[in-house]
Amino acid sequence: MRALIKRLTPYSNLNLQQLVASTRLFSSSSDAQKDELKTSSEVRKNIVVEKYGGITTLNIDRQPTRNSLDEATLREMAAALDAFEKDPESKVLVFNGEGGSFCSGFDLDEIGAKGYSVLTDAAARLLRRPLCDKPTIAAVQGYAVAEGFELALACDLRIVEETAILGCLGRRFGAPQSLFGGRRLTSLIGLSRALDLLITGRPISGIDANTMGLACKLTATGTALGESIKLAKSLTKFPQNALIMDKLAAVNSQLNPNSEESMRDEAIMSSLLGSAIEDLNQGVKKFQGGIGKHGKFYRLTDMPLKDWELEETLEEITVTVEKDPKDKKS
């Protein structure tokens, strides 16, 4: 402080008391700014948005839970999507998950604490079809399951790594498709394959997803984001008006049919929602008790195997080969 006063004294007509007061004010202002910066840095964002020219990346960063979606994350995501739509410089959006996984769906612990409807309300922005008018790409790596799978389906294009795991894993816990996943999946790969994944809930690899037509490109592990940005860069070169028009025409023809049948189906699904939530609440308790974690489909209940199940798993199959009668000795 004294050294600072000596340096300032030749250049000022202030008396000593005024100089000390002003110096203290400067010091307190700096401390306040540091505290403000410290506070702002401590407010951690679950959605990190980055821009590269006309490309915007939306990165989900909840790595300890494989980027599961809680209420705060869903609301951050909605705000990021709206900001992207309003940005005239941004032309393509790339969804990415930090830490090696795309997204593991709704946070089941938070469903248990707050209820399913709280998360679905926060996810209302993700119900839009299409998700954005501008092109969207999902860089799928690691786990893309449950609502994370639905989020990937909501994007226009998917770059999928060979070792990625995709599927409706919420089937184990009674979780319904929350983001129009059933309709989107059927429009992408057809009814037969969609029913297979929806009813069984079985996970598939990135290679399987590519075979089914879910991926526009299959890529090596660790390269999904880079390949997605390369694809996005190629799209920014095109005139955007016609591109968006053609995209909207295709999406609306598949996902927004205006018919009495679709309205009836929506009514039926709404009527089943209450019972499905009850099942989901029981599923959350199972998950919290350790059942079904890490993508396991076995031992989802504590009930012993029935007799017929034991027979099916333990029965030995023996093959007998009959000798030719000519080879038999008389």
C-alpha atoms as a PDB file:
ATOM      1  CA  MET A   1       0.000   0.000   0.000  1.00  0.00           C
ATOM      2  CA  ARG A   2       2.797   2.493   0.931  1.00  0.00           C
ATOM      3  CA  ALA A   3       4.701   1.748  -2.261  1.00  0.00           C
ATOM      4  CA  LEU A   4       1.551   2.320  -4.261  1.00  0.00           C
ATOM      5  CA  ILE A   5       1.033   5.680  -2.537  1.00  0.00           C
ATOM      6  CA  LYS A   6       4.602   6.753  -3.255  1.00  0.00           C
ATOM      7  CA  ARG A   7       4.212   5.942  -6.938  1.00  0.00           C
ATOM      8  CA  LEU A   8       0.925   7.808  -7.193  1.00  0.00           C
ATOM      9  CA  THR A   9       1.910  10.885  -5.149  1.00  0.00           C
ATOM     10  CA  PRO A  10       4.021  12.709  -7.801  1.00  0.00           C
ATOM     11  CA  TYR A  11       1.146  12.477 -10.280  1.00  0.00           C
ATOM     12  CA  SER A  12      -1.608  13.685  -7.996  1.00  0.00           C
ATOM     13  CA  ASN A  13      -2.550  16.781  -6.026  1.00  0.00           C
ATOM     14  CA  LEU A  14      -4.590  14.696  -3.578  1.00  0.00           C
ATOM     15  CA  ASN A  15      -3.648  14.813   0.077  1.00  0.00           C
ATOM     16  CA  LEU A  16      -2.634  11.648   1.877  1.00  0.00           C
ATOM     17  CA  GLN A  17      -6.041  10.914   3.381  1.00  0.00           C
ATOM     18  CA  GLN A  18      -7.786  11.283   0.023  1.00  0.00           C
ATOM     19  CA  LEU A  19      -5.207   9.054  -1.639  1.00  0.00           C
ATOM     20  CA  VAL A  20      -5.544   6.324   0.996  1.00  0.00           C
ATOM     21  CA  ALA A  21      -9.342   6.476   0.720  1.00  0.00           C
ATOM     22  CA  SER A  22      -9.273   6.227  -3.055  1.00  0.00           C
ATOM     23  CA  THR A  23      -6.773   3.360  -2.904  1.00  0.00           C
ATOM     24  CA  ARG A  24      -8.957   1.492  -0.431  1.00  0.00           C
ATOM     25  CA  LEU A  25     -11.925   2.032  -2.731  1.00  0.00           C
ATOM     26  CA  PHE A  26      -9.951   0.646  -5.640  1.00  0.00           C
ATOM     27  CA  SER A  27      -8.886  -2.353  -3.551  1.00  0.00           C
ATOM     28  CA  SER A  28     -12.423  -3.058  -2.369  1.00  0.00           C
ATOM     29  CA  SER A  29     -13.750  -2.781  -5.940  1.00  0.00           C
ATOM     30  CA  SER A  30     -11.161  -5.298  -7.128  1.00  0.00           C
ATOM     31  CA  ASP A  31     -12.100  -7.666  -4.335  1.00  0.00           C
ATOM     32  CA  ALA A  32     -15.777  -7.304  -5.222  1.00  0.00           C
ATOM     33  CA  GLN A  33     -15.016  -8.056  -8.863  1.00  0.00           C
ATOM     34  CA  LYS A  34     -13.017 -11.130  -7.865  1.00  0.00           C
ATOM     35  CA  ASP A  35     -15.853 -12.336  -5.667  1.00  0.00           C
ATOM     36  CA  GLU A  36     -18.294 -11.785  -8.532  1.00  0.00           C
ATOM     37  CA  LEU A  37     -16.097 -13.727 -10.940  1.00  0.00           C
ATOM     38  CA  LYS A  38     -15.669 -16.479  -8.386  1.00  0.00           C
ATOM     39  CA  THR A  39     -19.419 -16.697  -7.864  1.00  0.00           C
ATOM     40  CA  SER A  40     -20.172 -16.795 -11.593  1.00  0.00           C
ATOM     41  CA  SER A  41     -17.583 -19.529 -12.157  1.00  0.00           C
ATOM     42  CA  GLU A  42     -19.089 -21.604  -9.377  1.00  0.00           C
ATOM     43  CA  VAL A  43     -22.503 -21.601 -11.098  1.00  0.00           C
ATOM     44  CA  ARG A  44     -21.888 -24.664 -13.236  1.00  0.00           C
ATOM     45  CA  LYS A  45     -23.801 -25.093 -16.477  1.00  0.00           C
ATOM     46  CA  ASN A  46     -25.008 -28.506 -17.561  1.00  0.00           C
ATOM     47  CA  ILE A  47     -25.359 -27.327 -21.168  1.00  0.00           C
ATOM     48  CA  VAL A  48     -22.258 -25.825 -22.764  1.00  0.00           C
ATOM     49  CA  VAL A  49     -22.804 -24.003 -26.064  1.00  0.00           C
ATOM     50  CA  GLU A  50     -19.923 -23.309 -28.437  1.00  0.00           C
ATOM     51  CA  LYS A  51     -19.889 -21.654 -31.847  1.00  0.00           C
ATOM     52  CA  TYR A  52     -17.636 -22.226 -34.847  1.00  0.00           C
ATOM     53  CA  GLY A  53     -18.743 -19.859 -37.586  1.00  0.00           C
ATOM     54  CA  GLY A  54     -22.159 -21.049 -38.713  1.00  0.00           C
ATOM     55  CA  ILE A  55     -21.975 -24.187 -36.540  1.00  0.00           C
ATOM     56  CA  THR A  56     -23.272 -24.334 -32.971  1.00  0.00           C
ATOM     57  CA  THR A  57     -22.525 -27.265 -30.662  1.00  0.00           C
ATOM     58  CA  LEU A  58     -24.784 -28.052 -27.718  1.00  0.00           C
ATOM     59  CA  ASN A  59     -22.826 -30.149 -25.240  1.00  0.00           C
ATOM     60  CA  ILE A  60     -24.530 -32.018 -22.377  1.00  0.00           C
ATOM     61  CA  ASP A  61     -22.146 -32.083 -19.417  1.00  0.00           C
ATOM     62  CA  ARG A  62     -23.400 -34.282 -16.571  1.00  0.00           C
ATOM     63  CA  GLN A  63     -20.699 -36.889 -16.865  1.00  0.00           C
ATOM     64  CA  PRO A  64     -21.137 -38.657 -13.479  1.00  0.00           C
ATOM     65  CA  THR A  65     -24.635 -39.781 -14.611  1.00  0.00           C
ATOM     66  CA  ARG A  66     -23.712 -40.416 -18.255  1.00  0.00           C
ATOM     67  CA  ASN A  67     -25.295 -37.073 -19.138  1.00  0.00           C
ATOM     68  CA  SER A  68     -28.739 -37.822 -17.764  1.00  0.00           C
ATOM     69  CA  LEU A  69     -31.349 -35.068 -18.011  1.00  0.00           C
ATOM     70  CA  ASP A  70     -32.617 -33.432 -14.839  1.00  0.00           C
ATOM     71  CA  GLU A  71     -35.008 -30.478 -14.689  1.00  0.00           C
ATOM     72  CA  ALA A  72     -32.254 -27.845 -14.707  1.00  0.00           C
ATOM     73  CA  THR A  73     -30.495 -29.433 -17.688  1.00  0.00           C
ATOM     74  CA  LEU A  74     -33.734 -29.672 -19.678  1.00  0.00           C
ATOM     75  CA  ARG A  75     -34.522 -25.997 -19.094  1.00  0.00           C
ATOM     76  CA  GLU A  76     -30.983 -25.007 -20.077  1.00  0.00           C
ATOM     77  CA  MET A  77     -31.346 -27.090 -23.220  1.00  0.00           C
ATOM     78  CA  ALA A  78     -34.652 -25.417 -24.102  1.00  0.00           C
ATOM     79  CA  ALA A  79     -33.084 -21.975 -23.720  1.00  0.00           C
ATOM     80  CA  ALA A  80     -30.094 -23.017 -25.856  1.00  0.00           C
ATOM     81  CA  LEU A  81     -32.381 -24.318 -28.616  1.00  0.00           C
ATOM     82  CA  ASP A  82     -34.393 -21.093 -28.664  1.00  0.00           C
ATOM     83  CA  ALA A  83     -31.199 -19.028 -28.784  1.00  0.00           C
ATOM     84  CA  PHE A  84     -29.916 -21.119 -31.706  1.00  0.00           C
ATOM     85  CA  GLU A  85     -33.170 -20.624 -33.627  1.00  0.00           C
ATOM     86  CA  LYS A  86     -32.986 -16.864 -33.142  1.00  0.00           C
ATOM     87  CA  ASP A  87     -29.315 -16.551 -34.113  1.00  0.00           C
ATOM     88  CA  PRO A  88     -29.126 -15.526 -37.794  1.00  0.00           C
ATOM     89  CA  GLU A  89     -25.443 -16.498 -37.974  1.00  0.00           C
ATOM     90  CA  SER A  90     -25.968 -20.079 -36.765  1.00  0.00           C
ATOM     91  CA  LYS A  91     -27.017 -22.492 -39.493  1.00  0.00           C
ATOM     92  CA  VAL A  92     -26.480 -26.009 -38.086  1.00  0.00           C
ATOM     93  CA  LEU A  93     -26.737 -27.397 -34.546  1.00  0.00           C
ATOM     94  CA  VAL A  94     -24.684 -30.373 -33.335  1.00  0.00           C
ATOM     95  CA  PHE A  95     -25.778 -32.237 -30.181  1.00  0.00           C
ATOM     96  CA  ASN A  96     -22.926 -33.791 -28.220  1.00  0.00           C
ATOM     97  CA  GLY A  97     -22.402 -35.473 -24.863  1.00  0.00           C
ATOM     98  CA  GLU A  98     -19.255 -34.871 -22.830  1.00  0.00           C
ATOM     99  CA  GLY A  99     -17.218 -37.668 -21.282  1.00  0.00           C
ATOM    100  CA  GLY A 100     -17.882 -40.468 -23.743  1.00  0.00           C
ATOM    101  CA  SER A 101     -21.679 -40.775 -23.601  1.00  0.00           C
ATOM    102  CA  PHE A 102     -24.343 -38.981 -25.586  1.00  0.00           C
ATOM    103  CA  CYS A 103     -27.242 -39.038 -23.090  1.00  0.00           C
ATOM    104  CA  SER A 104     -28.715 -41.647 -20.737  1.00  0.00           C
ATOM    105  CA  GLY A 105     -32.219 -40.180 -20.572  1.00  0.00           C
ATOM    106  CA  PHE A 106     -34.202 -38.673 -17.713  1.00  0.00           C
ATOM    107  CA  ASP A 107     -32.515 -38.658 -14.310  1.00  0.00           C
ATOM    108  CA  LEU A 108     -34.398 -41.423 -12.486  1.00  0.00           C
ATOM    109  CA  ASP A 109     -33.309 -40.167  -9.081  1.00  0.00           C
ATOM    110  CA  GLU A 110     -34.895 -36.819  -9.838  1.00  0.00           C
ATOM    111  CA  ILE A 111     -38.060 -38.516 -11.075  1.00  0.00           C
ATOM    112  CA  GLY A 112     -38.186 -40.241  -7.710  1.00  0.00           C
ATOM    113  CA  ALA A 113     -37.703 -36.939  -5.873  1.00  0.00           C
ATOM    114  CA  LYS A 114     -39.828 -34.571  -7.996  1.00  0.00           C
ATOM    115  CA  GLY A 115     -42.084 -36.769 -10.107  1.00  0.00           C
ATOM    116  CA  TYR A 116     -42.211 -37.691 -13.786  1.00  0.00           C
ATOM    117  CA  SER A 117     -44.426 -34.752 -14.772  1.00  0.00           C
ATOM    118  CA  VAL A 118     -41.833 -32.208 -13.595  1.00  0.00           C
ATOM    119  CA  LEU A 119     -39.296 -33.526 -16.101  1.00  0.00           C
ATOM    120  CA  THR A 120     -41.784 -33.897 -18.935  1.00  0.00           C
ATOM    121  CA  ASP A 121     -42.878 -30.284 -18.387  1.00  0.00           C
ATOM    122  CA  ALA A 122     -39.251 -29.162 -18.518  1.00  0.00           C
ATOM    123  CA  ALA A 123     -38.772 -31.228 -21.694  1.00  0.00           C
ATOM    124  CA  ALA A 124     -41.772 -29.697 -23.504  1.00  0.00           C
ATOM    125  CA  ARG A 125     -39.471 -27.878 -25.949  1.00  0.00           C
ATOM    126  CA  LEU A 126     -38.115 -31.234 -27.149  1.00  0.00           C
ATOM    127  CA  LEU A 127     -41.571 -32.324 -28.330  1.00  0.00           C
ATOM    128  CA  ARG A 128     -41.458 -29.969 -31.262  1.00  0.00           C
ATOM    129  CA  ARG A 129     -41.442 -31.700 -34.650  1.00  0.00           C
ATOM    130  CA  PRO A 130     -38.988 -30.926 -36.105  1.00  0.00           C
ATOM    131  CA  LEU A 131     -36.824 -30.042 -33.143  1.00  0.00           C
ATOM    132  CA  CYS A 132     -35.555 -26.955 -34.986  1.00  0.00           C
ATOM    133  CA  ASP A 133     -36.261 -25.518 -38.420  1.00  0.00           C
ATOM    134  CA  LYS A 134     -32.517 -25.419 -39.095  1.00  0.00           C
ATOM    135  CA  PRO A 135     -30.591 -28.692 -39.549  1.00  0.00           C
ATOM    136  CA  THR A 136     -29.644 -30.647 -36.403  1.00  0.00           C
ATOM    137  CA  ILE A 137     -27.074 -33.433 -36.050  1.00  0.00           C
ATOM    138  CA  ALA A 138     -26.564 -35.882 -33.170  1.00  0.00           C
ATOM    139  CA  ALA A 139     -22.971 -36.986 -32.481  1.00  0.00           C
ATOM    140  CA  VAL A 140     -23.813 -40.338 -30.898  1.00  0.00           C
ATOM    141  CA  GLN A 141     -21.182 -41.960 -28.738  1.00  0.00           C
ATOM    142  CA  GLY A 142     -21.343 -44.213 -25.697  1.00  0.00           C
ATOM    143  CA  TYR A 143     -24.854 -44.494 -24.291  1.00  0.00           C
ATOM    144  CA  ALA A 144     -27.803 -42.969 -26.147  1.00  0.00           C
ATOM    145  CA  VAL A 145     -30.642 -44.648 -24.309  1.00  0.00           C
ATOM    146  CA  ALA A 146     -34.154 -43.915 -23.012  1.00  0.00           C
ATOM    147  CA  GLU A 147     -34.874 -40.191 -23.583  1.00  0.00           C
ATOM    148  CA  GLY A 148     -31.276 -39.857 -24.790  1.00  0.00           C
ATOM    149  CA  PHE A 149     -32.191 -42.234 -27.623  1.00  0.00           C
ATOM    150  CA  GLU A 150     -35.291 -40.138 -28.290  1.00  0.00           C
ATOM    151  CA  LEU A 151     -33.167 -36.983 -28.391  1.00  0.00           C
ATOM    152  CA  ALA A 152     -30.944 -38.553 -31.034  1.00  0.00           C
ATOM    153  CA  LEU A 153     -34.059 -39.570 -33.004  1.00  0.00           C
ATOM    154  CA  ALA A 154     -35.341 -35.992 -32.792  1.00  0.00           C
ATOM    155  CA  CYS A 155     -32.277 -34.741 -34.675  1.00  0.00           C
ATOM    156  CA  ASP A 156     -32.325 -34.690 -38.466  1.00  0.00           C
ATOM    157  CA  LEU A 157     -29.083 -36.636 -38.907  1.00  0.00           C
ATOM    158  CA  ARG A 158     -27.076 -38.987 -36.703  1.00  0.00           C
ATOM    159  CA  ILE A 159     -23.358 -39.734 -36.821  1.00  0.00           C
ATOM    160  CA  VAL A 160     -23.028 -42.928 -34.759  1.00  0.00           C
ATOM    161  CA  GLU A 161     -19.895 -44.543 -33.388  1.00  0.00           C
ATOM    162  CA  GLU A 162     -19.492 -48.298 -33.854  1.00  0.00           C
ATOM    163  CA  THR A 163     -19.361 -48.952 -30.106  1.00  0.00           C
ATOM    164  CA  ALA A 164     -22.344 -46.757 -29.203  1.00  0.00           C
ATOM    165  CA  ILE A 165     -25.272 -48.321 -27.327  1.00  0.00           C
ATOM    166  CA  LEU A 166     -28.770 -47.202 -28.317  1.00  0.00           C
ATOM    167  CA  GLY A 167     -32.209 -48.302 -27.230  1.00  0.00           C
ATOM    168  CA  CYS A 168     -35.356 -47.915 -25.165  1.00  0.00           C
ATOM    169  CA  LEU A 169     -33.808 -49.003 -21.874  1.00  0.00           C
ATOM    170  CA  GLY A 170     -36.584 -47.296 -19.942  1.00  0.00           C
ATOM    171  CA  ARG A 171     -38.701 -50.357 -20.792  1.00  0.00           C
ATOM    172  CA  ARG A 172     -37.152 -52.125 -17.792  1.00  0.00           C
ATOM    173  CA  PHE A 173     -38.609 -49.572 -15.399  1.00  0.00           C
ATOM    174  CA  GLY A 174     -41.960 -48.890 -17.038  1.00  0.00           C
ATOM    175  CA  ALA A 175     -40.939 -45.554 -18.560  1.00  0.00           C
ATOM    176  CA  PRO A 176     -42.989 -44.610 -21.651  1.00  0.00           C
ATOM    177  CA  GLN A 177     -41.566 -42.823 -24.653  1.00  0.00           C
ATOM    178  CA  SER A 178     -41.553 -39.235 -23.420  1.00  0.00           C
ATOM    179  CA  LEU A 179     -40.472 -37.298 -26.524  1.00  0.00           C
ATOM    180  CA  PHE A 180     -42.524 -38.847 -29.362  1.00  0.00           C
ATOM    181  CA  GLY A 181     -39.818 -41.504 -29.662  1.00  0.00           C
ATOM    182  CA  GLY A 182     -42.227 -44.179 -30.884  1.00  0.00           C
ATOM    183  CA  ARG A 183     -43.502 -42.082 -33.745  1.00  0.00           C
ATOM    184  CA  ARG A 184     -40.055 -40.818 -34.680  1.00  0.00           C
ATOM    185  CA  LEU A 185     -38.489 -44.271 -34.568  1.00  0.00           C
ATOM    186  CA  THR A 186     -41.242 -45.779 -36.733  1.00  0.00           C
ATOM    187  CA  SER A 187     -40.911 -43.044 -39.347  1.00  0.00           C
ATOM    188  CA  LEU A 188     -37.170 -43.672 -39.546  1.00  0.00           C
ATOM    189  CA  ILE A 189     -36.881 -47.466 -39.669  1.00  0.00           C
ATOM    190  CA  GLY A 190     -40.388 -48.810 -40.284  1.00  0.00           C
ATOM    191  CA  LEU A 191     -43.028 -50.388 -38.081  1.00  0.00           C
ATOM    192  CA  SER A 192     -41.592 -53.896 -37.732  1.00  0.00           C
ATOM    193  CA  ARG A 193     -38.140 -52.862 -36.555  1.00  0.00           C
ATOM    194  CA  ALA A 194     -39.539 -50.042 -34.433  1.00  0.00           C
ATOM    195  CA  LEU A 195     -41.874 -52.427 -32.602  1.00  0.00           C
ATOM    196  CA  ASP A 196     -38.951 -54.775 -31.977  1.00  0.00           C
ATOM    197  CA  LEU A 197     -36.966 -52.053 -30.206  1.00  0.00           C
ATOM    198  CA  LEU A 198     -39.961 -50.453 -28.467  1.00  0.00           C
ATOM    199  CA  ILE A 199     -41.517 -53.634 -27.082  1.00  0.00           C
ATOM    200  CA  THR A 200     -38.398 -55.554 -26.106  1.00  0.00           C
ATOM    201  CA  GLY A 201     -36.370 -52.539 -25.029  1.00  0.00           C
ATOM    202  CA  ARG A 202     -33.259 -54.357 -26.173  1.00  0.00           C
ATOM    203  CA  PRO A 203     -30.150 -52.258 -26.743  1.00  0.00           C
ATOM    204  CA  ILE A 204     -28.421 -52.199 -30.105  1.00  0.00           C
ATOM    205  CA  SER A 205     -24.894 -51.294 -31.112  1.00  0.00           C
ATOM    206  CA  GLY A 206     -23.904 -48.500 -33.412  1.00  0.00           C
ATOM    207  CA  ILE A 207     -23.306 -51.079 -36.125  1.00  0.00           C
ATOM    208  CA  ASP A 208     -26.858 -52.399 -35.707  1.00  0.00           C
ATOM    209  CA  ALA A 209     -28.224 -48.842 -35.756  1.00  0.00           C
ATOM    210  CA  ASN A 210     -26.442 -48.203 -39.029  1.00  0.00           C
ATOM    211  CA  THR A 211     -27.825 -51.416 -40.530  1.00  0.00           C
ATOM    212  CA  MET A 212     -31.352 -50.372 -39.532  1.00  0.00           C
ATOM    213  CA  GLY A 213     -30.945 -46.983 -41.168  1.00  0.00           C
ATOM    214  CA  LEU A 214     -30.705 -44.839 -38.027  1.00  0.00           C
ATOM    215  CA  ALA A 215     -27.237 -43.507 -38.843  1.00  0.00           C
ATOM    216  CA  CYS A 216     -26.339 -41.390 -41.821  1.00  0.00           C
ATOM    217  CA  LYS A 217     -22.729 -42.376 -41.131  1.00  0.00           C
ATOM    218  CA  LEU A 218     -21.030 -45.012 -38.987  1.00  0.00           C
ATOM    219  CA  THR A 219     -17.700 -43.914 -37.555  1.00  0.00           C
ATOM    220  CA  ALA A 220     -14.924 -45.143 -35.282  1.00  0.00           C
ATOM    221  CA  THR A 221     -14.940 -44.687 -31.523  1.00  0.00           C
ATOM    222  CA  GLY A 222     -14.023 -41.168 -30.469  1.00  0.00           C
ATOM    223  CA  THR A 223     -14.706 -39.543 -33.846  1.00  0.00           C
ATOM    224  CA  ALA A 224     -18.464 -38.796 -33.778  1.00  0.00           C
ATOM    225  CA  LEU A 225     -18.138 -35.141 -32.822  1.00  0.00           C
ATOM    226  CA  GLY A 226     -15.411 -34.415 -35.368  1.00  0.00           C
ATOM    227  CA  GLU A 227     -17.337 -36.133 -38.152  1.00  0.00           C
ATOM    228  CA  SER A 228     -20.520 -34.292 -37.149  1.00  0.00           C
ATOM    229  CA  ILE A 229     -18.779 -30.930 -37.337  1.00  0.00           C
ATOM    230  CA  LYS A 230     -17.369 -31.847 -40.755  1.00  0.00           C
ATOM    231  CA  LEU A 231     -20.865 -32.715 -41.935  1.00  0.00           C
ATOM    232  CA  ALA A 232     -22.270 -29.525 -40.445  1.00  0.00           C
ATOM    233  CA  LYS A 233     -19.619 -27.474 -42.205  1.00  0.00           C
ATOM    234  CA  SER A 234     -20.585 -29.020 -45.535  1.00  0.00           C
ATOM    235  CA  LEU A 235     -24.246 -28.080 -44.908  1.00  0.00           C
ATOM    236  CA  THR A 236     -23.433 -24.433 -44.184  1.00  0.00           C
ATOM    237  CA  LYS A 237     -22.234 -24.059 -47.768  1.00  0.00           C
ATOM    238  CA  PHE A 238     -25.728 -24.592 -49.178  1.00  0.00           C
ATOM    239  CA  PRO A 239     -28.377 -21.898 -49.639  1.00  0.00           C
ATOM    240  CA  GLN A 240     -30.444 -22.367 -46.479  1.00  0.00           C
ATOM    241  CA  ASN A 241     -33.967 -21.390 -47.542  1.00  0.00           C
ATOM    242  CA  ALA A 242     -34.562 -24.281 -49.937  1.00  0.00           C
ATOM    243  CA  LEU A 243     -32.791 -26.699 -47.595  1.00  0.00           C
ATOM    244  CA  ILE A 244     -35.122 -25.790 -44.713  1.00  0.00           C
ATOM    245  CA  MET A 245     -38.205 -25.919 -46.933  1.00  0.00           C
ATOM    246  CA  ASP A 246     -37.411 -29.434 -48.151  1.00  0.00           C
ATOM    247  CA  LYS A 247     -36.581 -30.609 -44.641  1.00  0.00           C
ATOM    248  CA  LEU A 248     -39.865 -29.301 -43.211  1.00  0.00           C
ATOM    249  CA  ALA A 249     -41.853 -30.908 -46.020  1.00  0.00           C
ATOM    250  CA  ALA A 250     -40.272 -34.304 -45.330  1.00  0.00           C
ATOM    251  CA  VAL A 251     -40.655 -34.113 -41.547  1.00  0.00           C
ATOM    252  CA  ASN A 252     -44.236 -32.890 -41.641  1.00  0.00           C
ATOM    253  CA  SER A 253     -45.263 -35.652 -44.029  1.00  0.00           C
ATOM    254  CA  GLN A 254     -44.124 -38.270 -41.500  1.00  0.00           C
ATOM    255  CA  LEU A 255     -44.445 -36.781 -38.033  1.00  0.00           C
ATOM    256  CA  ASN A 256     -47.340 -34.347 -38.214  1.00  0.00           C
ATOM    257  CA  PRO A 257     -50.189 -36.174 -39.950  1.00  0.00           C
ATOM    258  CA  ASN A 258     -53.503 -34.377 -39.455  1.00  0.00           C
ATOM    259  CA  SER A 259     -55.958 -37.226 -39.181  1.00  0.00           C
ATOM    260  CA  GLU A 260     -58.656 -38.562 -36.879  1.00  0.00           C
ATOM    261  CA  GLU A 261     -56.657 -41.744 -36.297  1.00  0.00           C
ATOM    262  CA  SER A 262     -53.624 -39.878 -34.991  1.00  0.00           C
ATOM    263  CA  MET A 263     -55.823 -37.769 -32.709  1.00  0.00           C
ATOM    264  CA  ARG A 264     -57.477 -40.927 -31.364  1.00  0.00           C
ATOM    265  CA  ASP A 265     -54.078 -42.501 -30.691  1.00  0.00           C
ATOM    266  CA  GLU A 266     -52.957 -39.394 -28.821  1.00  0.00           C
ATOM    267  CA  ALA A 267     -56.099 -39.584 -26.660  1.00  0.00           C
ATOM    268  CA  ILE A 268     -55.484 -43.249 -25.844  1.00  0.00           C
ATOM    269  CA  MET A 269     -51.865 -42.594 -24.945  1.00  0.00           C
ATOM    270  CA  SER A 270     -52.913 -39.725 -22.680  1.00  0.00           C
ATOM    271  CA  SER A 271     -55.412 -41.975 -20.889  1.00  0.00           C
ATOM    272  CA  LEU A 272     -52.685 -44.551 -20.195  1.00  0.00           C
ATOM    273  CA  LEU A 273     -50.187 -42.020 -18.907  1.00  0.00           C
ATOM    274  CA  GLY A 274     -51.404 -42.077 -15.292  1.00  0.00           C
ATOM    275  CA  SER A 275     -51.000 -45.835 -14.935  1.00  0.00           C
ATOM    276  CA  ALA A 276     -47.647 -45.697 -16.715  1.00  0.00           C
ATOM    277  CA  ILE A 277     -46.387 -43.136 -14.205  1.00  0.00           C
ATOM    278  CA  GLU A 278     -47.348 -45.471 -11.355  1.00  0.00           C
ATOM    279  CA  ASP A 279     -45.330 -48.246 -12.997  1.00  0.00           C
ATOM    280  CA  LEU A 280     -42.439 -45.851 -13.501  1.00  0.00           C
ATOM    281  CA  ASN A 281     -42.431 -44.862  -9.829  1.00  0.00           C
ATOM    282  CA  GLN A 282     -41.999 -48.529  -8.947  1.00  0.00           C
ATOM    283  CA  GLY A 283     -39.267 -48.784 -11.561  1.00  0.00           C
ATOM    284  CA  VAL A 284     -37.414 -45.847 -10.020  1.00  0.00           C
ATOM    285  CA  LYS A 285     -37.363 -47.651  -6.673  1.00  0.00           C
ATOM    286  CA  LYS A 286     -35.909 -50.720  -8.378  1.00  0.00           C
ATOM    287  CA  PHE A 287     -33.232 -48.608 -10.050  1.00  0.00           C
ATOM    288  CA  GLN A 288     -32.318 -46.922  -6.790  1.00  0.00           C
ATOM    289  CA  GLY A 289     -32.089 -50.367  -5.222  1.00  0.00           C
ATOM    290  CA  GLY A 290     -29.485 -51.414  -7.799  1.00  0.00           C
ATOM    291  CA  ILE A 291     -31.744 -53.445 -10.112  1.00  0.00           C
ATOM    292  CA  GLY A 292     -31.182 -52.965 -13.844  1.00  0.00           C
ATOM    293  CA  LYS A 293     -28.192 -50.630 -13.601  1.00  0.00           C
ATOM    294  CA  HIS A 294     -25.453 -50.557 -16.244  1.00  0.00           C
ATOM    295  CA  GLY A 295     -27.921 -51.597 -18.951  1.00  0.00           C
ATOM    296  CA  LYS A 296     -28.713 -55.000 -17.431  1.00  0.00           C
ATOM    297  CA  PHE A 297     -31.911 -56.710 -18.550  1.00  0.00           C
ATOM    298  CA  TYR A 298     -31.682 -59.722 -16.253  1.00  0.00           C
ATOM    299  CA  ARG A 299     -32.811 -59.961 -12.626  1.00  0.00           C
ATOM    300  CA  LEU A 300     -35.204 -57.050 -12.950  1.00  0.00           C
ATOM    301  CA  THR A 301     -37.414 -58.475 -10.214  1.00  0.00           C
ATOM    302  CA  ASP A 302     -36.793 -60.167  -6.897  1.00  0.00           C
ATOM    303  CA  MET A 303     -39.259 -62.983  -7.727  1.00  0.00           C
ATOM    304  CA  PRO A 304     -37.799 -66.493  -8.125  1.00  0.00           C
ATOM    305  CA  LEU A 305     -37.816 -68.072 -11.540  1.00  0.00           C
ATOM    306  CA  LYS A 306     -40.900 -70.078 -12.349  1.00  0.00           C
ATOM    307  CA  ASP A 307     -40.566 -73.768 -13.081  1.00  0.00           C
ATOM    308  CA  TRP A 308     -40.947 -73.325 -16.812  1.00  0.00           C
ATOM    309  CA  GLU A 309     -38.248 -70.651 -16.814  1.00  0.00           C
ATOM    310  CA  LEU A 310     -35.879 -72.991 -14.998  1.00  0.00           C
ATOM    311  CA  GLU A 311     -36.629 -75.743 -17.485  1.00  0.00           C
ATOM    312  CA  GLU A 312     -35.934 -73.434 -20.374  1.00  0.00           C
ATOM    313  CA  THR A 313     -32.573 -72.313 -19.025  1.00  0.00           C
ATOM    314  CA  LEU A 314     -31.325 -75.594 -17.547  1.00  0.00           C
ATOM    315  CA  GLU A 315     -32.741 -78.220 -19.873  1.00  0.00           C
ATOM    316  CA  GLU A 316     -30.059 -80.223 -21.622  1.00  0.00           C
ATOM    317  CA  ILE A 317     -30.579 -80.883 -25.285  1.00  0.00           C
ATOM    318  CA  THR A 318     -29.383 -84.243 -26.519  1.00  0.00           C
ATOM    319  CA  VAL A 319     -29.173 -85.252 -30.152  1.00  0.00           C
ATOM    320  CA  THR A 320     -29.465 -88.897 -31.105  1.00  0.00           C
ATOM    321  CA  VAL A 321     -28.446 -90.164 -34.487  1.00  0.00           C
ATOM    322  CA  GLU A 322     -30.167 -93.314 -35.737  1.00  0.00           C
ATOM    323  CA  LYS A 323     -28.013 -95.779 -37.560  1.00  0.00           C
ATOM    324  CA  ASP A 324     -28.809 -96.898 -41.047  1.00  0.00           C
ATOM    325  CA  PRO A 325     -30.648-100.260 -40.972  1.00  0.00           C
ATOM    326  CA  LYS A 326     -28.090-101.658 -43.407  1.00  0.00           C
ATOM    327  CA  ASP A 327     -25.350-101.012 -40.860  1.00  0.00           C
ATOM    328  CA  LYS A 328     -27.162-103.002 -38.180  1.00  0.00           C
ATOM    329  CA  LYS A 329     -25.897-106.481 -37.578  1.00  0.00           C
ATOM    330  CA  SER A 330     -28.352-109.274 -38.040  1.00  0.00           C
END
